[in-house]
Amino acid sequence: MLQLLIATDTAMPVEASASPDVLFDLGMLYSSGRSGVVDLVAAHKWFNLAALKGRVDAIAFRREIAEMMSEAEIAQAQRDARAWMTSH
């Protein structure tokens, strides 16, 4: 099985003009652990942003991820999504 790690300290940031597909792919990356570790907060954030940009299937994935998260984690993911939107 191939496992890849992303060097987040040197990775390029996602641009505001990123397509919903790119944002959705990031949600898949963090929800599956393909980035090295599962990060449900990050996955929820990226699925949320993908949904906001029109990727309808991201809504179901965001909902599924939310079922595995605490209310505090969901709140953090929502804050992270808002912060990303205001900084881009």
PDB file of N, CA and C in Angstrom:
ATOM      1  N   MET A   1       0.840  -1.176   0.000  1.00  0.00           N
ATOM      2  CA  MET A   1       0.000   0.000   0.000  1.00  0.00           C
ATOM      3  C   MET A   1       0.883   1.237   0.000  1.00  0.00           C
ATOM      4  N   LEU A   2       0.573   2.151  -0.867  1.00  0.00           N
ATOM      5  CA  LEU A   2       1.321   3.396  -0.973  1.00  0.00           C
ATOM      6  C   LEU A   2       0.807   4.391   0.048  1.00  0.00           C
ATOM      7  N   GLN A   3       1.713   4.989   0.787  1.00  0.00           N
ATOM      8  CA  GLN A   3       1.338   6.027   1.732  1.00  0.00           C
ATOM      9  C   GLN A   3       2.242   7.224   1.479  1.00  0.00           C
ATOM     10  N   LEU A   4       1.618   8.351   1.243  1.00  0.00           N
ATOM     11  CA  LEU A   4       2.352   9.577   0.974  1.00  0.00           C
ATOM     12  C   LEU A   4       2.205  10.528   2.140  1.00  0.00           C
ATOM     13  N   LEU A   5       3.223  11.297   2.395  1.00  0.00           N
ATOM     14  CA  LEU A   5       3.167  12.329   3.424  1.00  0.00           C
ATOM     15  C   LEU A   5       3.314  13.683   2.753  1.00  0.00           C
ATOM     16  N   ILE A   6       2.558  14.643   3.217  1.00  0.00           N
ATOM     17  CA  ILE A   6       2.632  15.992   2.683  1.00  0.00           C
ATOM     18  C   ILE A   6       3.421  16.843   3.659  1.00  0.00           C
ATOM     19  N   ALA A   7       4.433  17.505   3.141  1.00  0.00           N
ATOM     20  CA  ALA A   7       5.226  18.410   3.975  1.00  0.00           C
ATOM     21  C   ALA A   7       4.465  19.729   4.064  1.00  0.00           C
ATOM     22  N   THR A   8       3.644  19.868   5.087  1.00  0.00           N
ATOM     23  CA  THR A   8       2.785  21.044   5.194  1.00  0.00           C
ATOM     24  C   THR A   8       3.574  22.326   5.428  1.00  0.00           C
ATOM     25  N   ASP A   9       4.796  22.209   5.922  1.00  0.00           N
ATOM     26  CA  ASP A   9       5.585  23.415   6.141  1.00  0.00           C
ATOM     27  C   ASP A   9       6.119  24.007   4.845  1.00  0.00           C
ATOM     28  N   THR A  10       6.190  23.219   3.788  1.00  0.00           N
ATOM     29  CA  THR A  10       6.684  23.718   2.504  1.00  0.00           C
ATOM     30  C   THR A  10       5.628  23.667   1.401  1.00  0.00           C
ATOM     31  N   ALA A  11       4.439  23.173   1.710  1.00  0.00           N
ATOM     32  CA  ALA A  11       3.383  23.065   0.704  1.00  0.00           C
ATOM     33  C   ALA A  11       2.854  24.443   0.330  1.00  0.00           C
ATOM     34  N   MET A  12       2.406  24.567  -0.907  1.00  0.00           N
ATOM     35  CA  MET A  12       1.827  25.825  -1.385  1.00  0.00           C
ATOM     36  C   MET A  12       0.407  25.960  -0.834  1.00  0.00           C
ATOM     37  N   PRO A  13       0.002  27.159  -0.428  1.00  0.00           N
ATOM     38  CA  PRO A  13      -1.353  27.340   0.098  1.00  0.00           C
ATOM     39  C   PRO A  13      -2.401  27.212  -1.013  1.00  0.00           C
ATOM     40  N   VAL A  14      -3.602  26.846  -0.620  1.00  0.00           N
ATOM     41  CA  VAL A  14      -4.714  26.751  -1.559  1.00  0.00           C
ATOM     42  C   VAL A  14      -5.227  28.159  -1.815  1.00  0.00           C
ATOM     43  N   GLU A  15      -5.363  28.500  -3.066  1.00  0.00           N
ATOM     44  CA  GLU A  15      -5.812  29.841  -3.441  1.00  0.00           C
ATOM     45  C   GLU A  15      -7.331  29.972  -3.314  1.00  0.00           C
ATOM     46  N   ALA A  16      -7.799  31.184  -3.155  1.00  0.00           N
ATOM     47  CA  ALA A  16      -9.234  31.452  -3.050  1.00  0.00           C
ATOM     48  C   ALA A  16      -9.970  31.049  -4.317  1.00  0.00           C
ATOM     49  N   SER A  17      -9.267  31.091  -5.448  1.00  0.00           N
ATOM     50  CA  SER A  17      -9.893  30.742  -6.714  1.00  0.00           C
ATOM     51  C   SER A  17      -9.894  29.237  -6.964  1.00  0.00           C
ATOM     52  N   ALA A  18      -9.491  28.465  -5.970  1.00  0.00           N
ATOM     53  CA  ALA A  18      -9.449  27.008  -6.117  1.00  0.00           C
ATOM     54  C   ALA A  18     -10.832  26.482  -6.470  1.00  0.00           C
ATOM     55  N   SER A  19     -10.843  25.521  -7.347  1.00  0.00           N
ATOM     56  CA  SER A  19     -12.115  24.943  -7.762  1.00  0.00           C
ATOM     57  C   SER A  19     -12.710  24.117  -6.619  1.00  0.00           C
ATOM     58  N   PRO A  20     -14.011  23.925  -6.641  1.00  0.00           N
ATOM     59  CA  PRO A  20     -14.631  23.078  -5.623  1.00  0.00           C
ATOM     60  C   PRO A  20     -14.027  21.672  -5.614  1.00  0.00           C
ATOM     61  N   ASP A  21     -13.575  21.205  -6.773  1.00  0.00           N
ATOM     62  CA  ASP A  21     -12.977  19.870  -6.849  1.00  0.00           C
ATOM     63  C   ASP A  21     -11.680  19.797  -6.053  1.00  0.00           C
ATOM     64  N   VAL A  22     -10.871  20.845  -6.100  1.00  0.00           N
ATOM     65  CA  VAL A  22      -9.622  20.876  -5.338  1.00  0.00           C
ATOM     66  C   VAL A  22      -9.935  20.873  -3.851  1.00  0.00           C
ATOM     67  N   LEU A  23     -10.901  21.663  -3.442  1.00  0.00           N
ATOM     68  CA  LEU A  23     -11.288  21.719  -2.028  1.00  0.00           C
ATOM     69  C   LEU A  23     -11.842  20.373  -1.564  1.00  0.00           C
ATOM     70  N   PHE A  24     -12.642  19.738  -2.411  1.00  0.00           N
ATOM     71  CA  PHE A  24     -13.186  18.419  -2.105  1.00  0.00           C
ATOM     72  C   PHE A  24     -12.059  17.394  -1.959  1.00  0.00           C
ATOM     73  N   ASP A  25     -11.096  17.442  -2.873  1.00  0.00           N
ATOM     74  CA  ASP A  25      -9.955  16.520  -2.804  1.00  0.00           C
ATOM     75  C   ASP A  25      -9.182  16.685  -1.493  1.00  0.00           C
ATOM     76  N   LEU A  26      -9.058  17.922  -1.019  1.00  0.00           N
ATOM     77  CA  LEU A  26      -8.396  18.149   0.269  1.00  0.00           C
ATOM     78  C   LEU A  26      -9.203  17.520   1.408  1.00  0.00           C
ATOM     79  N   GLY A  27     -10.525  17.628   1.332  1.00  0.00           N
ATOM     80  CA  GLY A  27     -11.372  16.967   2.331  1.00  0.00           C
ATOM     81  C   GLY A  27     -11.155  15.464   2.327  1.00  0.00           C
ATOM     82  N   MET A  28     -11.066  14.880   1.141  1.00  0.00           N
ATOM     83  CA  MET A  28     -10.820  13.441   1.028  1.00  0.00           C
ATOM     84  C   MET A  28      -9.449  13.089   1.583  1.00  0.00           C
ATOM     85  N   LEU A  29      -8.476  13.925   1.300  1.00  0.00           N
ATOM     86  CA  LEU A  29      -7.110  13.688   1.760  1.00  0.00           C
ATOM     87  C   LEU A  29      -7.057  13.608   3.284  1.00  0.00           C
ATOM     88  N   TYR A  30      -7.656  14.585   3.951  1.00  0.00           N
ATOM     89  CA  TYR A  30      -7.605  14.632   5.410  1.00  0.00           C
ATOM     90  C   TYR A  30      -8.550  13.623   6.068  1.00  0.00           C
ATOM     91  N   SER A  31      -9.659  13.283   5.410  1.00  0.00           N
ATOM     92  CA  SER A  31     -10.581  12.318   6.018  1.00  0.00           C
ATOM     93  C   SER A  31     -10.091  10.883   5.884  1.00  0.00           C
ATOM     94  N   SER A  32      -9.258  10.630   4.893  1.00  0.00           N
ATOM     95  CA  SER A  32      -8.790   9.260   4.654  1.00  0.00           C
ATOM     96  C   SER A  32      -7.444   8.969   5.290  1.00  0.00           C
ATOM     97  N   GLY A  33      -6.740  10.008   5.694  1.00  0.00           N
ATOM     98  CA  GLY A  33      -5.416   9.806   6.252  1.00  0.00           C
ATOM     99  C   GLY A  33      -4.328   9.727   5.206  1.00  0.00           C
ATOM    100  N   ARG A  34      -4.656  10.041   3.962  1.00  0.00           N
ATOM    101  CA  ARG A  34      -3.635  10.003   2.904  1.00  0.00           C
ATOM    102  C   ARG A  34      -2.553  11.041   3.132  1.00  0.00           C
ATOM    103  N   SER A  35      -2.826  12.015   3.994  1.00  0.00           N
ATOM    104  CA  SER A  35      -1.814  13.025   4.298  1.00  0.00           C
ATOM    105  C   SER A  35      -0.882  12.554   5.413  1.00  0.00           C
ATOM    106  N   GLY A  36      -1.080  11.337   5.874  1.00  0.00           N
ATOM    107  CA  GLY A  36      -0.248  10.792   6.930  1.00  0.00           C
ATOM    108  C   GLY A  36      -1.028  10.526   8.200  1.00  0.00           C
ATOM    109  N   VAL A  37      -2.036  11.317   8.459  1.00  0.00           N
ATOM    110  CA  VAL A  37      -2.859  11.144   9.662  1.00  0.00           C
ATOM    111  C   VAL A  37      -4.262  11.686   9.357  1.00  0.00           C
ATOM    112  N   VAL A  38      -5.272  11.055   9.909  1.00  0.00           N
ATOM    113  CA  VAL A  38      -6.640  11.537   9.737  1.00  0.00           C
ATOM    114  C   VAL A  38      -6.810  12.808  10.564  1.00  0.00           C
ATOM    115  N   ASP A  39      -7.347  13.839   9.934  1.00  0.00           N
ATOM    116  CA  ASP A  39      -7.615  15.109  10.612  1.00  0.00           C
ATOM    117  C   ASP A  39      -9.051  15.500  10.283  1.00  0.00           C
ATOM    118  N   LEU A  40      -9.978  15.135  11.161  1.00  0.00           N
ATOM    119  CA  LEU A  40     -11.399  15.369  10.896  1.00  0.00           C
ATOM    120  C   LEU A  40     -11.748  16.851  10.864  1.00  0.00           C
ATOM    121  N   VAL A  41     -11.084  17.658  11.671  1.00  0.00           N
ATOM    122  CA  VAL A  41     -11.348  19.101  11.664  1.00  0.00           C
ATOM    123  C   VAL A  41     -10.989  19.683  10.307  1.00  0.00           C
ATOM    124  N   ALA A  42      -9.826  19.333   9.790  1.00  0.00           N
ATOM    125  CA  ALA A  42      -9.413  19.827   8.470  1.00  0.00           C
ATOM    126  C   ALA A  42     -10.314  19.272   7.376  1.00  0.00           C
ATOM    127  N   ALA A  43     -10.677  18.004   7.477  1.00  0.00           N
ATOM    128  CA  ALA A  43     -11.557  17.403   6.472  1.00  0.00           C
ATOM    129  C   ALA A  43     -12.893  18.129   6.429  1.00  0.00           C
ATOM    130  N   HIS A  44     -13.477  18.384   7.589  1.00  0.00           N
ATOM    131  CA  HIS A  44     -14.761  19.091   7.667  1.00  0.00           C
ATOM    132  C   HIS A  44     -14.633  20.478   7.041  1.00  0.00           C
ATOM    133  N   LYS A  45     -13.546  21.159   7.371  1.00  0.00           N
ATOM    134  CA  LYS A  45     -13.305  22.503   6.819  1.00  0.00           C
ATOM    135  C   LYS A  45     -13.289  22.473   5.300  1.00  0.00           C
ATOM    136  N   TRP A  46     -12.518  21.555   4.710  1.00  0.00           N
ATOM    137  CA  TRP A  46     -12.395  21.523   3.246  1.00  0.00           C
ATOM    138  C   TRP A  46     -13.688  21.069   2.587  1.00  0.00           C
ATOM    139  N   PHE A  47     -14.404  20.107   3.182  1.00  0.00           N
ATOM    140  CA  PHE A  47     -15.697  19.711   2.622  1.00  0.00           C
ATOM    141  C   PHE A  47     -16.692  20.863   2.711  1.00  0.00           C
ATOM    142  N   ASN A  48     -16.649  21.614   3.795  1.00  0.00           N
ATOM    143  CA  ASN A  48     -17.525  22.768   3.962  1.00  0.00           C
ATOM    144  C   ASN A  48     -17.255  23.803   2.863  1.00  0.00           C
ATOM    145  N   LEU A  49     -15.987  24.096   2.626  1.00  0.00           N
ATOM    146  CA  LEU A  49     -15.631  25.069   1.592  1.00  0.00           C
ATOM    147  C   LEU A  49     -16.006  24.574   0.202  1.00  0.00           C
ATOM    148  N   ALA A  50     -15.812  23.289  -0.044  1.00  0.00           N
ATOM    149  CA  ALA A  50     -16.195  22.716  -1.340  1.00  0.00           C
ATOM    150  C   ALA A  50     -17.705  22.838  -1.543  1.00  0.00           C
ATOM    151  N   ALA A  51     -18.467  22.567  -0.485  1.00  0.00           N
ATOM    152  CA  ALA A  51     -19.923  22.689  -0.567  1.00  0.00           C
ATOM    153  C   ALA A  51     -20.336  24.128  -0.838  1.00  0.00           C
ATOM    154  N   LEU A  52     -19.684  25.065  -0.168  1.00  0.00           N
ATOM    155  CA  LEU A  52     -19.999  26.483  -0.387  1.00  0.00           C
ATOM    156  C   LEU A  52     -19.714  26.933  -1.809  1.00  0.00           C
ATOM    157  N   LYS A  53     -18.745  26.273  -2.456  1.00  0.00           N
ATOM    158  CA  LYS A  53     -18.407  26.619  -3.835  1.00  0.00           C
ATOM    159  C   LYS A  53     -19.189  25.792  -4.846  1.00  0.00           C
ATOM    160  N   GLY A  54     -20.172  25.008  -4.367  1.00  0.00           N
ATOM    161  CA  GLY A  54     -21.070  24.326  -5.280  1.00  0.00           C
ATOM    162  C   GLY A  54     -20.868  22.833  -5.448  1.00  0.00           C
ATOM    163  N   ARG A  55     -19.954  22.238  -4.732  1.00  0.00           N
ATOM    164  CA  ARG A  55     -19.738  20.785  -4.828  1.00  0.00           C
ATOM    165  C   ARG A  55     -20.765  20.096  -3.938  1.00  0.00           C
ATOM    166  N   VAL A  56     -21.893  19.702  -4.518  1.00  0.00           N
ATOM    167  CA  VAL A  56     -23.045  19.201  -3.771  1.00  0.00           C
ATOM    168  C   VAL A  56     -22.718  17.941  -2.974  1.00  0.00           C
ATOM    169  N   ASP A  57     -21.924  17.028  -3.519  1.00  0.00           N
ATOM    170  CA  ASP A  57     -21.632  15.792  -2.800  1.00  0.00           C
ATOM    171  C   ASP A  57     -20.768  16.023  -1.562  1.00  0.00           C
ATOM    172  N   ALA A  58     -20.145  17.185  -1.462  1.00  0.00           N
ATOM    173  CA  ALA A  58     -19.346  17.504  -0.276  1.00  0.00           C
ATOM    174  C   ALA A  58     -20.229  17.631   0.964  1.00  0.00           C
ATOM    175  N   ILE A  59     -21.493  17.966   0.769  1.00  0.00           N
ATOM    176  CA  ILE A  59     -22.411  18.119   1.898  1.00  0.00           C
ATOM    177  C   ILE A  59     -22.564  16.799   2.652  1.00  0.00           C
ATOM    178  N   ALA A  60     -22.744  15.708   1.916  1.00  0.00           N
ATOM    179  CA  ALA A  60     -22.898  14.395   2.545  1.00  0.00           C
ATOM    180  C   ALA A  60     -21.618  13.972   3.249  1.00  0.00           C
ATOM    181  N   PHE A  61     -20.474  14.236   2.646  1.00  0.00           N
ATOM    182  CA  PHE A  61     -19.206  13.887   3.270  1.00  0.00           C
ATOM    183  C   PHE A  61     -18.978  14.710   4.534  1.00  0.00           C
ATOM    184  N   ARG A  62     -19.309  15.991   4.474  1.00  0.00           N
ATOM    185  CA  ARG A  62     -19.173  16.851   5.655  1.00  0.00           C
ATOM    186  C   ARG A  62     -20.066  16.338   6.781  1.00  0.00           C
ATOM    187  N   ARG A  63     -21.273  15.948   6.452  1.00  0.00           N
ATOM    188  CA  ARG A  63     -22.218  15.428   7.448  1.00  0.00           C
ATOM    189  C   ARG A  63     -21.688  14.126   8.064  1.00  0.00           C
ATOM    190  N   GLU A  64     -21.141  13.256   7.225  1.00  0.00           N
ATOM    191  CA  GLU A  64     -20.595  11.983   7.718  1.00  0.00           C
ATOM    192  C   GLU A  64     -19.408  12.223   8.659  1.00  0.00           C
ATOM    193  N   ILE A  65     -18.545  13.150   8.291  1.00  0.00           N
ATOM    194  CA  ILE A  65     -17.399  13.490   9.138  1.00  0.00           C
ATOM    195  C   ILE A  65     -17.892  14.080  10.463  1.00  0.00           C
ATOM    196  N   ALA A  66     -18.899  14.933  10.395  1.00  0.00           N
ATOM    197  CA  ALA A  66     -19.417  15.598  11.597  1.00  0.00           C
ATOM    198  C   ALA A  66     -19.954  14.595  12.617  1.00  0.00           C
ATOM    199  N   GLU A  67     -20.465  13.462  12.161  1.00  0.00           N
ATOM    200  CA  GLU A  67     -20.983  12.444  13.072  1.00  0.00           C
ATOM    201  C   GLU A  67     -19.882  11.834  13.936  1.00  0.00           C
ATOM    202  N   MET A  68     -18.641  11.959  13.499  1.00  0.00           N
ATOM    203  CA  MET A  68     -17.507  11.401  14.243  1.00  0.00           C
ATOM    204  C   MET A  68     -16.793  12.454  15.085  1.00  0.00           C
ATOM    205  N   MET A  69     -17.313  13.690  15.079  1.00  0.00           N
ATOM    206  CA  MET A  69     -16.647  14.805  15.740  1.00  0.00           C
ATOM    207  C   MET A  69     -17.452  15.297  16.936  1.00  0.00           C
ATOM    208  N   SER A  70     -16.751  15.918  17.863  1.00  0.00           N
ATOM    209  CA  SER A  70     -17.424  16.577  18.980  1.00  0.00           C
ATOM    210  C   SER A  70     -17.939  17.940  18.505  1.00  0.00           C
ATOM    211  N   GLU A  71     -18.811  18.533  19.298  1.00  0.00           N
ATOM    212  CA  GLU A  71     -19.317  19.868  18.960  1.00  0.00           C
ATOM    213  C   GLU A  71     -18.184  20.890  18.914  1.00  0.00           C
ATOM    214  N   ALA A  72     -17.223  20.737  19.808  1.00  0.00           N
ATOM    215  CA  ALA A  72     -16.079  21.660  19.830  1.00  0.00           C
ATOM    216  C   ALA A  72     -15.237  21.524  18.558  1.00  0.00           C
ATOM    217  N   GLU A  73     -15.071  20.301  18.080  1.00  0.00           N
ATOM    218  CA  GLU A  73     -14.304  20.091  16.848  1.00  0.00           C
ATOM    219  C   GLU A  73     -15.037  20.675  15.640  1.00  0.00           C
ATOM    220  N   ILE A  74     -16.342  20.500  15.603  1.00  0.00           N
ATOM    221  CA  ILE A  74     -17.131  21.074  14.499  1.00  0.00           C
ATOM    222  C   ILE A  74     -17.039  22.592  14.527  1.00  0.00           C
ATOM    223  N   ALA A  75     -17.150  23.171  15.708  1.00  0.00           N
ATOM    224  CA  ALA A  75     -17.033  24.623  15.839  1.00  0.00           C
ATOM    225  C   ALA A  75     -15.662  25.105  15.364  1.00  0.00           C
ATOM    226  N   GLN A  76     -14.623  24.353  15.701  1.00  0.00           N
ATOM    227  CA  GLN A  76     -13.270  24.721  15.253  1.00  0.00           C
ATOM    228  C   GLN A  76     -13.168  24.642  13.733  1.00  0.00           C
ATOM    229  N   ALA A  77     -13.726  23.599  13.140  1.00  0.00           N
ATOM    230  CA  ALA A  77     -13.695  23.454  11.678  1.00  0.00           C
ATOM    231  C   ALA A  77     -14.435  24.604  11.005  1.00  0.00           C
ATOM    232  N   GLN A  78     -15.544  25.015  11.579  1.00  0.00           N
ATOM    233  CA  GLN A  78     -16.306  26.129  11.017  1.00  0.00           C
ATOM    234  C   GLN A  78     -15.532  27.438  11.140  1.00  0.00           C
ATOM    235  N   ARG A  79     -14.870  27.639  12.278  1.00  0.00           N
ATOM    236  CA  ARG A  79     -14.034  28.833  12.442  1.00  0.00           C
ATOM    237  C   ARG A  79     -12.891  28.826  11.427  1.00  0.00           C
ATOM    238  N   ASP A  80     -12.281  27.653  11.237  1.00  0.00           N
ATOM    239  CA  ASP A  80     -11.187  27.545  10.272  1.00  0.00           C
ATOM    240  C   ASP A  80     -11.664  27.854   8.854  1.00  0.00           C
ATOM    241  N   ALA A  81     -12.855  27.381   8.505  1.00  0.00           N
ATOM    242  CA  ALA A  81     -13.405  27.653   7.170  1.00  0.00           C
ATOM    243  C   ALA A  81     -13.679  29.145   6.996  1.00  0.00           C
ATOM    244  N   ARG A  82     -14.262  29.771   8.024  1.00  0.00           N
ATOM    245  CA  ARG A  82     -14.513  31.222   7.940  1.00  0.00           C
ATOM    246  C   ARG A  82     -13.214  31.996   7.842  1.00  0.00           C
ATOM    247  N   ALA A  83     -12.220  31.582   8.611  1.00  0.00           N
ATOM    248  CA  ALA A  83     -10.923  32.255   8.573  1.00  0.00           C
ATOM    249  C   ALA A  83     -10.290  32.124   7.187  1.00  0.00           C
ATOM    250  N   TRP A  84     -10.409  30.941   6.583  1.00  0.00           N
ATOM    251  CA  TRP A  84      -9.855  30.737   5.233  1.00  0.00           C
ATOM    252  C   TRP A  84     -10.566  31.652   4.235  1.00  0.00           C
ATOM    253  N   MET A  85     -11.894  31.745   4.367  1.00  0.00           N
ATOM    254  CA  MET A  85     -12.649  32.583   3.427  1.00  0.00           C
ATOM    255  C   MET A  85     -12.297  34.057   3.577  1.00  0.00           C
ATOM    256  N   THR A  86     -12.081  34.522   4.789  1.00  0.00           N
ATOM    257  CA  THR A  86     -11.773  35.940   4.972  1.00  0.00           C
ATOM    258  C   THR A  86     -10.328  36.271   4.602  1.00  0.00           C
ATOM    259  N   SER A  87      -9.446  35.289   4.702  1.00  0.00           N
ATOM    260  CA  SER A  87      -8.045  35.557   4.356  1.00  0.00           C
ATOM    261  C   SER A  87      -7.754  35.349   2.878  1.00  0.00           C
ATOM    262  N   HIS A  88      -8.704  34.807   2.144  1.00  0.00           N
ATOM    263  CA  HIS A  88      -8.505  34.584   0.713  1.00  0.00           C
ATOM    264  C   HIS A  88      -9.523  35.385  -0.048  1.00  0.00           C
TER     265      HIS A  88
END
